Amino acid sequence: MRRIMRNSVVSVAIAAAAVVGLATTASAQSYVITGAYGYYDSNKHMFGIGDTEADGQYPYVQWKVNGVSQGDLVNYNGNGSWRDVTISSGKWGQSLAWRICRSGGGGCSPWLYETA
């Protein structure tokens, strides 16, 4: 009886771990540089761009779809502000490269790669 019960508990635990693993496979990828924070959430097809320093500089995201530049997404709202930008559905499922940068020579993160 104990052996059957233990096997049932183990089976339930394995099933629960599998469900949790599936639920957490797709998540937002983020990067922080001095004065800026950026992320891309593939579930929402959305970039987030934050300004973290009161220095007159602004953060922006450079992004490419299938290797073609899509222009910069900029947050001009100042220190402590946040901007979310959703990309159009026509780009979903394609190859995406992006990085967070700062104006005035503030530098950029490395390129990050994923599927839009």
Protein backbone atom coordinates (compact mmCIF):
# COMPACT_ATOMS: atom_id res chain seq x y z
CA MET A 1 0.00 0.00 0.00
CA ARG A 2 2.77 2.43 0.90
CA ARG A 3 4.62 1.63 -2.32
CA ILE A 4 1.55 2.40 -4.45
CA MET A 5 0.96 5.64 -2.55
CA ARG A 6 4.62 6.69 -2.91
CA ASN A 7 4.54 5.97 -6.66
CA SER A 8 1.37 8.07 -6.98
CA VAL A 9 2.97 10.98 -5.13
CA VAL A 10 6.08 10.77 -7.32
CA SER A 11 3.94 10.66 -10.47
CA VAL A 12 1.98 13.73 -9.38
CA ALA A 13 5.20 15.60 -8.55
CA ILE A 14 6.69 14.79 -11.95
CA ALA A 15 3.52 15.91 -13.73
CA ALA A 16 3.44 19.17 -11.72
CA ALA A 17 7.10 19.87 -12.54
CA ALA A 18 6.42 19.31 -16.23
CA VAL A 19 3.49 21.75 -16.20
CA VAL A 20 5.50 24.38 -14.32
CA GLY A 21 8.41 23.90 -16.73
CA LEU A 22 6.15 24.44 -19.72
CA ALA A 23 4.61 27.52 -18.19
CA THR A 24 7.97 29.21 -17.64
CA THR A 25 9.83 28.45 -20.87
CA ALA A 26 8.98 31.76 -22.60
CA SER A 27 9.91 34.80 -20.56
CA ALA A 28 11.06 38.36 -20.93
CA GLN A 29 14.73 38.91 -21.79
CA SER A 30 16.18 42.04 -20.20
CA TYR A 31 19.41 44.00 -19.98
CA VAL A 32 20.64 46.82 -17.75
CA ILE A 33 23.31 49.39 -18.64
CA THR A 34 24.30 52.51 -16.71
CA GLY A 35 21.28 54.81 -16.75
CA ALA A 36 18.94 52.52 -18.69
CA TYR A 37 16.96 49.30 -18.50
CA GLY A 38 15.36 47.46 -21.38
CA TYR A 39 13.45 44.26 -21.97
CA TYR A 40 11.61 42.36 -24.67
CA ASP A 41 8.67 40.16 -23.68
CA SER A 42 8.03 37.65 -26.46
CA ASN A 43 4.66 36.68 -24.95
CA LYS A 44 3.37 40.25 -25.28
CA HIS A 45 5.55 41.21 -28.30
CA MET A 46 6.57 44.28 -26.33
CA PHE A 47 9.69 46.28 -25.49
CA GLY A 48 10.08 48.14 -22.20
CA ILE A 49 12.51 51.05 -21.97
CA GLY A 50 13.39 52.67 -18.63
CA ASP A 51 15.48 55.72 -17.72
CA THR A 52 17.31 55.30 -14.40
CA GLU A 53 19.48 58.44 -14.12
CA ALA A 54 18.73 62.18 -13.90
CA ASP A 55 21.48 63.19 -16.31
CA GLY A 56 19.66 64.61 -19.35
CA GLN A 57 20.41 61.51 -21.46
CA TYR A 58 17.67 59.24 -22.78
CA PRO A 59 17.49 55.47 -23.31
CA TYR A 60 16.49 53.88 -26.57
CA VAL A 61 16.23 50.42 -28.14
CA GLN A 62 17.84 49.62 -31.48
CA TRP A 63 16.12 46.64 -33.07
CA LYS A 64 16.23 44.56 -36.23
CA VAL A 65 13.83 42.06 -37.74
CA ASN A 66 15.47 39.49 -40.03
CA GLY A 67 18.61 41.68 -40.01
CA VAL A 68 16.80 44.84 -41.17
CA SER A 69 16.90 47.88 -38.87
CA GLN A 70 13.47 48.96 -37.62
CA GLY A 71 14.50 52.37 -36.27
CA ASP A 72 14.99 53.38 -32.66
CA LEU A 73 12.36 53.16 -29.92
CA VAL A 74 13.07 56.09 -27.58
CA ASN A 75 12.02 57.08 -24.06
CA TYR A 76 12.27 60.89 -23.82
CA ASN A 77 10.31 61.07 -20.54
CA GLY A 78 13.25 61.49 -18.12
CA ASN A 79 14.62 59.86 -14.99
CA GLY A 80 12.37 57.28 -13.37
CA SER A 81 10.14 56.99 -16.44
CA TRP A 82 9.16 53.92 -18.37
CA ARG A 83 7.88 53.36 -21.90
CA ASP A 84 6.32 50.19 -23.33
CA VAL A 85 6.19 49.65 -27.10
CA THR A 86 4.29 46.76 -28.71
CA ILE A 87 5.53 45.62 -32.11
CA SER A 88 3.13 44.97 -34.98
CA SER A 89 1.78 41.47 -35.53
CA GLY A 90 3.34 41.36 -39.00
CA LYS A 91 6.73 40.92 -37.31
CA TRP A 92 5.71 38.13 -34.90
CA GLY A 93 7.55 34.84 -35.33
CA GLN A 94 10.48 36.43 -37.16
CA SER A 95 14.14 36.71 -36.12
CA LEU A 96 14.65 39.62 -33.72
CA ALA A 97 17.87 41.32 -32.56
CA TRP A 98 17.82 44.20 -30.10
CA ARG A 99 19.92 46.18 -27.65
CA ILE A 100 19.39 48.96 -25.13
CA CYS A 101 21.45 52.16 -25.58
CA ARG A 102 21.83 55.66 -24.12
CA SER A 103 22.11 58.95 -25.94
CA GLY A 104 25.20 61.11 -25.74
CA GLY A 105 27.68 58.28 -26.12
CA GLY A 106 26.36 56.44 -23.08
CA GLY A 107 26.99 53.05 -24.68
CA CYS A 108 24.87 50.05 -25.61
CA SER A 109 24.31 46.54 -24.38
CA PRO A 110 25.40 43.60 -26.53
CA TRP A 111 22.89 42.50 -29.17
CA LEU A 112 20.27 40.09 -27.82
CA TYR A 113 18.66 37.56 -30.15
CA GLU A 114 15.27 35.86 -30.04
CA THR A 115 12.05 35.34 -31.97
CA ALA A 116 9.60 38.24 -32.15
